[in-house]
Amino acid sequence: MNALKRLVGPTAALCAVVLVFSVIAPESFCTFQNVRTLSAQSVVVVLGAIGMTFVVVGGGIDLSVGSVIALSSVATALMIRSGFGSGAACLVGCVVGLAIGCINGFLVASARLPAFIATLGTMGIARGLAKWLAGQSTVYPPEEWTSSLMAKNPDPSWMLFAPGVWLTIAVAIAFGFILSRTVFGAWVTAIGSNESAARLCGVPVARVRWSTYALCGLLAGVAGVLQFHRLSSGDPTTATGKELEVIAAVVIGGAALSGGFGTVGGSIVGAILMAVLANGCNLVDWNSLGRWGVSAEVAETLTTWFGSSGIPNYVQEILVGAVIVVAALADRRRHR
């Protein structure tokens, strides 16, 4: 019941944002093709947020997610360019993410480094490795290579959404079950709530904490693979700052930054909320406000301020930052 209560706020905020953009950009926002685009754009943050949920609920943090996504996408692209099949390339990308996650787990759980410092270090290492492996340039697959994993118009058409979207949905269901309905999920929550008490109760704290970082790295690797398939290139500079979006999605979804509470469903709602904000801001047409009684002068003023082709990026950053601050304040209030 408590988890459902915490979902009310993020879900209501998501519905409100969807309603606003449905009003000010009905022709472009309220289309099935845009829903397809939005779903493809959100899978990277959604996958990262699922993994980050386990880390945050366990009382940790992982700043290396964005760099791991970039490294995994570059590794996948290099495998494809070297002539390996898509399956092998995807596997390598996932293993790369898992390896970085295991390193994070070792540094935090075994070497007892603060999570912020440990993952800040691996963030730089992973990003540097991505640039080194890519020769500081974007890695492109052979011209004849094609992939339908993240196609906006999937084949066969009855799938409606890209296979990568269905994969993300399956991952969300599986990991949501693990966190809420298994002993491992209970251990993660117990460690985040009170690590000393969990240890006295026989919870293998080091092993569980190590596992949460390994899971986070693995899902970041999967996100990197899907990022490569969506962009058809391995860019070592991609996903810069994505770790902040992932953490924000988890916080917006109701997870406690101090650990001990969080849900996969809430984190997904937070990730979708941020994706809808970015997508809707790019599709805004101020002239369409006339149908709702807004005068032409007001529409013209808004166009002068923000431009006719959507809301500028700096305004989007302000909006996302405001949402993060409000979510953090709500988390603080719940904690108190």
Protein backbone atom coordinates (compact mmCIF):
# COMPACT_ATOMS: atom_id res chain seq x y z
CA MET A 1 0.00 0.00 0.00
CA ASN A 2 2.87 2.38 0.86
CA ALA A 3 4.45 1.70 -2.54
CA LEU A 4 1.17 2.50 -4.28
CA LYS A 5 0.87 5.77 -2.36
CA ARG A 6 4.35 6.79 -3.48
CA LEU A 7 3.41 6.10 -7.09
CA VAL A 8 0.46 8.48 -6.98
CA GLY A 9 2.56 11.65 -7.16
CA PRO A 10 4.85 10.65 -10.08
CA THR A 11 1.93 9.15 -12.01
CA ALA A 12 -0.17 12.26 -11.53
CA ALA A 13 2.74 14.42 -12.67
CA LEU A 14 3.19 12.25 -15.77
CA CYS A 15 -0.52 12.49 -16.61
CA ALA A 16 -0.43 16.26 -16.16
CA VAL A 17 2.57 16.64 -18.48
CA VAL A 18 0.94 14.43 -21.12
CA LEU A 19 -2.26 16.49 -20.86
CA VAL A 20 -0.37 19.78 -21.26
CA PHE A 21 1.47 18.66 -24.38
CA SER A 22 -1.69 17.13 -25.77
CA VAL A 23 -3.22 20.60 -25.59
CA ILE A 24 -0.34 22.68 -26.97
CA ALA A 25 0.96 20.18 -29.56
CA PRO A 26 -1.97 17.95 -30.51
CA GLU A 27 -1.07 17.28 -34.16
CA SER A 28 2.47 16.10 -33.46
CA PHE A 29 2.38 14.84 -29.87
CA CYS A 30 -0.88 12.87 -29.95
CA THR A 31 0.08 10.44 -32.68
CA PHE A 32 0.92 6.76 -32.56
CA GLN A 33 4.13 7.40 -34.49
CA ASN A 34 5.26 9.79 -31.77
CA VAL A 35 4.44 7.17 -29.15
CA ARG A 36 6.71 4.79 -31.05
CA THR A 37 9.44 7.42 -31.15
CA LEU A 38 9.01 8.22 -27.47
CA SER A 39 9.22 4.56 -26.49
CA ALA A 40 12.43 4.10 -28.48
CA GLN A 41 13.95 7.23 -26.95
CA SER A 42 13.14 6.23 -23.38
CA VAL A 43 14.50 2.66 -23.27
CA VAL A 44 18.06 3.73 -22.40
CA VAL A 45 17.02 5.77 -19.35
CA VAL A 46 14.43 3.16 -18.35
CA LEU A 47 17.00 0.34 -18.34
CA GLY A 48 19.50 2.47 -16.48
CA ALA A 49 16.84 3.47 -13.94
CA ILE A 50 15.88 -0.17 -13.30
CA GLY A 51 19.46 -1.05 -12.42
CA MET A 52 19.95 2.16 -10.43
CA THR A 53 16.85 1.36 -8.38
CA PHE A 54 18.57 -1.68 -6.87
CA VAL A 55 21.68 0.36 -6.06
CA VAL A 56 19.75 3.27 -4.52
CA VAL A 57 17.40 1.03 -2.53
CA GLY A 58 20.51 -0.69 -1.18
CA GLY A 59 21.85 2.65 0.03
CA GLY A 60 24.35 3.28 -2.77
CA ILE A 61 24.83 5.36 -5.88
CA ASP A 62 26.38 4.70 -9.30
CA LEU A 63 27.78 7.61 -11.31
CA SER A 64 29.32 5.45 -14.02
CA VAL A 65 26.10 4.51 -15.84
CA GLY A 66 26.42 7.03 -18.68
CA SER A 67 30.04 6.09 -19.37
CA VAL A 68 29.21 2.38 -19.28
CA ILE A 69 26.46 2.96 -21.86
CA ALA A 70 28.99 4.68 -24.13
CA LEU A 71 31.63 1.97 -23.64
CA SER A 72 29.13 -0.83 -24.32
CA SER A 73 27.86 0.88 -27.48
CA VAL A 74 31.43 1.34 -28.75
CA ALA A 75 32.29 -2.29 -27.96
CA THR A 76 29.20 -3.49 -29.83
CA ALA A 77 30.01 -1.29 -32.82
CA LEU A 78 33.61 -2.53 -32.96
CA MET A 79 32.47 -6.15 -32.90
CA ILE A 80 30.04 -5.52 -35.76
CA ARG A 81 32.69 -3.68 -37.77
CA SER A 82 35.11 -6.56 -37.22
CA GLY A 83 32.69 -8.97 -38.89
CA PHE A 84 31.09 -10.65 -35.88
CA GLY A 85 27.38 -11.39 -35.85
CA SER A 86 24.85 -9.19 -34.09
CA GLY A 87 24.27 -11.77 -31.36
CA ALA A 88 27.95 -12.01 -30.44
CA ALA A 89 28.35 -8.25 -30.59
CA CYS A 90 25.36 -7.68 -28.30
CA LEU A 91 26.70 -10.27 -25.87
CA VAL A 92 30.07 -8.52 -25.71
CA GLY A 93 28.38 -5.17 -25.07
CA CYS A 94 26.41 -6.66 -22.17
CA VAL A 95 29.50 -8.39 -20.74
CA VAL A 96 31.41 -5.09 -20.84
CA GLY A 97 28.68 -3.45 -18.77
CA LEU A 98 28.62 -6.39 -16.36
CA ALA A 99 32.41 -6.20 -15.96
CA ILE A 100 32.33 -2.51 -15.00
CA GLY A 101 29.46 -3.24 -12.62
CA CYS A 102 31.48 -6.01 -10.97
CA ILE A 103 34.43 -3.64 -10.55
CA ASN A 104 32.12 -1.11 -8.91
CA GLY A 105 30.79 -3.83 -6.63
CA PHE A 106 34.29 -4.87 -5.62
CA LEU A 107 35.39 -1.31 -4.89
CA VAL A 108 32.28 -0.53 -2.82
CA ALA A 109 31.56 -3.87 -1.12
CA SER A 110 35.04 -5.35 -0.71
CA ALA A 111 37.48 -2.43 -0.84
CA ARG A 112 34.98 -0.37 1.22
CA LEU A 113 35.38 2.78 -0.84
CA PRO A 114 32.57 5.34 -0.68
CA ALA A 115 30.20 4.63 -3.57
CA PHE A 116 30.40 8.21 -4.81
CA ILE A 117 34.20 8.12 -5.09
CA ALA A 118 34.41 4.59 -6.49
CA THR A 119 31.86 5.10 -9.25
CA LEU A 120 33.18 8.58 -10.02
CA GLY A 121 36.52 6.92 -10.75
CA THR A 122 35.04 4.17 -12.92
CA MET A 123 32.98 6.80 -14.73
CA GLY A 124 36.20 8.43 -15.94
CA ILE A 125 37.86 5.09 -16.68
CA ALA A 126 34.94 3.78 -18.74
CA ARG A 127 34.61 7.03 -20.70
CA GLY A 128 38.36 7.09 -21.39
CA LEU A 129 38.31 3.45 -22.52
CA ALA A 130 35.42 4.20 -24.86
CA LYS A 131 37.35 7.06 -26.48
CA TRP A 132 40.53 5.01 -26.72
CA LEU A 133 38.84 1.99 -28.29
CA ALA A 134 36.96 4.22 -30.74
CA GLY A 135 40.06 6.22 -31.64
CA GLN A 136 38.23 9.33 -30.36
CA SER A 137 35.77 9.13 -33.23
CA THR A 138 32.39 7.58 -33.90
CA VAL A 139 32.49 3.90 -34.88
CA TYR A 140 30.16 3.00 -37.75
CA PRO A 141 29.16 -0.53 -38.80
CA PRO A 142 29.58 -1.69 -42.43
CA GLU A 143 27.19 -0.06 -44.89
CA GLU A 144 25.42 -3.33 -45.62
CA TRP A 145 24.70 -3.94 -41.92
CA THR A 146 21.09 -3.45 -40.84
CA SER A 147 19.24 -3.97 -37.59
CA SER A 148 15.57 -3.96 -36.65
CA LEU A 149 16.14 -4.17 -32.89
CA MET A 150 15.26 -0.50 -32.40
CA ALA A 151 13.35 0.21 -35.60
CA LYS A 152 10.60 2.81 -35.22
CA ASN A 153 8.46 0.85 -37.68
CA PRO A 154 9.04 -2.79 -36.72
CA ASP A 155 8.73 -5.68 -39.09
CA PRO A 156 6.38 -7.51 -38.73
CA SER A 157 4.03 -4.59 -38.11
CA TRP A 158 1.90 -6.50 -35.59
CA MET A 159 4.67 -5.97 -33.03
CA LEU A 160 3.63 -2.27 -32.92
CA PHE A 161 6.84 -1.29 -31.11
CA ALA A 162 10.51 -2.05 -31.70
CA PRO A 163 11.80 -5.39 -30.31
CA GLY A 164 14.09 -3.44 -27.99
CA VAL A 165 11.04 -1.85 -26.37
CA TRP A 166 9.48 -5.27 -25.72
CA LEU A 167 12.82 -6.43 -24.32
CA THR A 168 12.81 -3.46 -21.94
CA ILE A 169 9.26 -4.28 -20.84
CA ALA A 170 10.28 -7.89 -20.12
CA VAL A 171 13.32 -6.71 -18.13
CA ALA A 172 11.13 -4.31 -16.14
CA ILE A 173 8.66 -7.05 -15.23
CA ALA A 174 11.42 -9.49 -14.25
CA PHE A 175 13.41 -7.06 -12.13
CA GLY A 176 10.28 -5.58 -10.59
CA PHE A 177 9.38 -9.08 -9.41
CA ILE A 178 12.91 -9.65 -8.10
CA LEU A 179 12.92 -6.46 -6.04
CA SER A 180 9.42 -6.82 -4.59
CA ARG A 181 8.83 -10.57 -4.36
CA THR A 182 12.14 -12.35 -3.70
CA VAL A 183 14.51 -12.84 -0.80
CA PHE A 184 17.21 -10.98 -2.69
CA GLY A 185 14.95 -7.94 -3.02
CA ALA A 186 14.16 -8.10 0.70
CA TRP A 187 17.89 -8.24 1.46
CA VAL A 188 18.56 -5.19 -0.73
CA THR A 189 15.83 -3.23 1.06
CA ALA A 190 17.06 -4.35 4.48
CA ILE A 191 20.62 -3.23 3.74
CA GLY A 192 19.43 0.17 2.57
CA SER A 193 17.23 0.59 5.63
CA ASN A 194 19.82 -0.43 8.23
CA GLU A 195 23.01 -2.14 7.15
CA SER A 196 24.15 -3.02 10.68
CA ALA A 197 20.82 -4.61 11.57
CA ALA A 198 20.78 -6.52 8.28
CA ARG A 199 24.24 -7.90 8.98
CA LEU A 200 23.19 -9.00 12.47
CA CYS A 201 20.19 -10.76 10.94
CA GLY A 202 22.47 -12.85 8.75
CA VAL A 203 22.13 -10.95 5.45
CA PRO A 204 25.30 -11.37 3.32
CA VAL A 205 25.76 -7.61 2.99
CA ALA A 206 28.94 -7.56 0.89
CA ARG A 207 27.64 -10.14 -1.58
CA VAL A 208 24.25 -8.44 -1.98
CA ARG A 209 25.78 -4.99 -2.41
CA TRP A 210 28.24 -6.38 -4.96
CA SER A 211 25.32 -7.97 -6.82
CA THR A 212 23.35 -4.70 -7.02
CA TYR A 213 26.25 -2.93 -8.72
CA ALA A 214 26.76 -5.89 -11.05
CA LEU A 215 23.06 -5.75 -12.03
CA CYS A 216 23.27 -2.01 -12.58
CA GLY A 217 26.32 -2.45 -14.82
CA LEU A 218 24.65 -5.27 -16.75
CA LEU A 219 21.54 -3.21 -17.48
CA ALA A 220 23.69 -0.24 -18.45
CA GLY A 221 25.43 -2.58 -20.89
CA VAL A 222 22.08 -3.64 -22.35
CA ALA A 223 21.16 0.05 -22.63
CA GLY A 224 24.42 0.68 -24.48
CA VAL A 225 23.65 -2.11 -26.93
CA LEU A 226 20.21 -0.67 -27.63
CA GLN A 227 21.72 2.79 -27.95
CA PHE A 228 24.02 1.48 -30.66
CA HIS A 229 21.13 -0.16 -32.50
CA ARG A 230 19.06 3.02 -32.26
CA LEU A 231 21.81 5.33 -33.55
CA SER A 232 23.52 2.74 -35.82
CA SER A 233 26.87 3.93 -34.47
CA GLY A 234 29.09 3.63 -31.43
CA ASP A 235 29.76 7.13 -30.17
CA PRO A 236 32.22 7.40 -27.24
CA THR A 237 30.67 10.74 -26.24
CA THR A 238 27.10 9.47 -26.14
CA ALA A 239 25.11 9.36 -22.90
CA THR A 240 27.16 12.17 -21.36
CA GLY A 241 25.28 13.20 -18.24
CA LYS A 242 22.87 10.30 -18.66
CA GLU A 243 23.71 9.05 -15.17
CA LEU A 244 22.10 12.19 -13.75
CA GLU A 245 18.93 11.54 -15.75
CA VAL A 246 18.88 7.97 -14.48
CA ILE A 247 19.32 9.01 -10.86
CA ALA A 248 16.69 11.72 -11.32
CA ALA A 249 14.24 9.16 -12.73
CA VAL A 250 14.72 6.97 -9.66
CA VAL A 251 14.22 9.89 -7.28
CA ILE A 252 11.19 11.18 -9.20
CA GLY A 253 9.76 7.66 -9.00
CA GLY A 254 9.70 7.86 -5.21
CA ALA A 255 12.88 6.02 -4.21
CA ALA A 256 14.57 7.21 -1.01
CA LEU A 257 18.05 8.58 -1.66
CA SER A 258 19.03 7.41 1.82
CA GLY A 259 18.13 3.85 0.81
CA GLY A 260 15.57 1.39 2.07
CA PHE A 261 12.75 2.10 -0.34
CA GLY A 262 12.11 2.22 -4.06
CA THR A 263 10.17 0.45 -6.77
CA VAL A 264 10.98 -0.46 -10.34
CA GLY A 265 7.56 0.79 -11.42
CA GLY A 266 8.17 4.19 -9.87
CA SER A 267 11.56 4.53 -11.53
CA ILE A 268 10.02 3.68 -14.91
CA VAL A 269 7.33 6.34 -14.39
CA GLY A 270 10.10 8.83 -13.57
CA ALA A 271 12.08 7.88 -16.68
CA ILE A 272 9.02 8.17 -18.92
CA LEU A 273 8.15 11.54 -17.35
CA MET A 274 11.55 12.93 -18.29
CA ALA A 275 11.33 11.45 -21.79
CA VAL A 276 7.87 12.97 -22.31
CA LEU A 277 9.16 16.36 -21.14
CA ALA A 278 12.01 16.30 -23.66
CA ASN A 279 9.84 14.95 -26.47
CA GLY A 280 6.95 17.34 -25.89
CA CYS A 281 9.20 20.39 -25.60
CA ASN A 282 10.60 19.66 -29.06
CA LEU A 283 7.10 19.42 -30.59
CA VAL A 284 5.47 22.52 -29.12
CA ASP A 285 3.75 24.80 -31.61
CA TRP A 286 2.69 28.05 -29.94
CA ASN A 287 0.43 29.02 -32.82
CA SER A 288 -1.83 26.06 -32.02
CA LEU A 289 -2.85 27.72 -28.75
CA GLY A 290 -5.31 29.89 -30.67
CA ARG A 291 -7.86 27.05 -30.70
CA TRP A 292 -7.95 27.22 -26.89
CA GLY A 293 -8.74 30.92 -26.82
CA VAL A 294 -5.18 32.22 -26.48
CA SER A 295 -4.78 35.48 -28.36
CA ALA A 296 -2.48 35.79 -31.35
CA GLU A 297 -0.45 38.40 -29.48
CA VAL A 298 0.34 35.98 -26.65
CA ALA A 299 1.24 33.21 -29.12
CA GLU A 300 3.50 35.62 -30.99
CA THR A 301 5.18 36.68 -27.75
CA LEU A 302 5.84 33.06 -26.79
CA THR A 303 7.26 32.43 -30.25
CA THR A 304 9.55 35.44 -29.84
CA TRP A 305 10.77 34.20 -26.47
CA PHE A 306 11.21 30.53 -27.24
CA GLY A 307 11.22 30.26 -31.03
CA SER A 308 8.74 28.56 -33.31
CA SER A 309 10.41 25.13 -33.36
CA GLY A 310 9.74 23.89 -29.87
CA ILE A 311 11.06 24.93 -26.48
CA PRO A 312 14.83 25.60 -26.41
CA ASN A 313 17.17 23.13 -24.76
CA TYR A 314 18.08 25.48 -21.92
CA VAL A 315 14.40 25.77 -20.93
CA GLN A 316 14.13 21.98 -21.00
CA GLU A 317 17.10 21.72 -18.66
CA ILE A 318 15.47 24.22 -16.29
CA LEU A 319 12.23 22.20 -16.33
CA VAL A 320 14.02 18.91 -15.66
CA GLY A 321 16.07 20.52 -12.90
CA ALA A 322 12.92 21.90 -11.29
CA VAL A 323 11.28 18.47 -11.41
CA ILE A 324 14.35 16.92 -9.76
CA VAL A 325 14.37 19.52 -6.97
CA VAL A 326 10.66 19.03 -6.28
CA ALA A 327 11.13 15.24 -6.19
CA ALA A 328 14.08 15.57 -3.81
CA LEU A 329 12.08 17.86 -1.52
CA ALA A 330 9.23 15.35 -1.53
CA ASP A 331 11.69 12.57 -0.65
CA ARG A 332 13.07 14.67 2.19
CA ARG A 333 9.61 15.33 3.52
CA ARG A 334 8.72 11.63 3.44
CA HIS A 335 11.99 10.76 5.17
CA ARG A 336 11.35 13.25 7.97
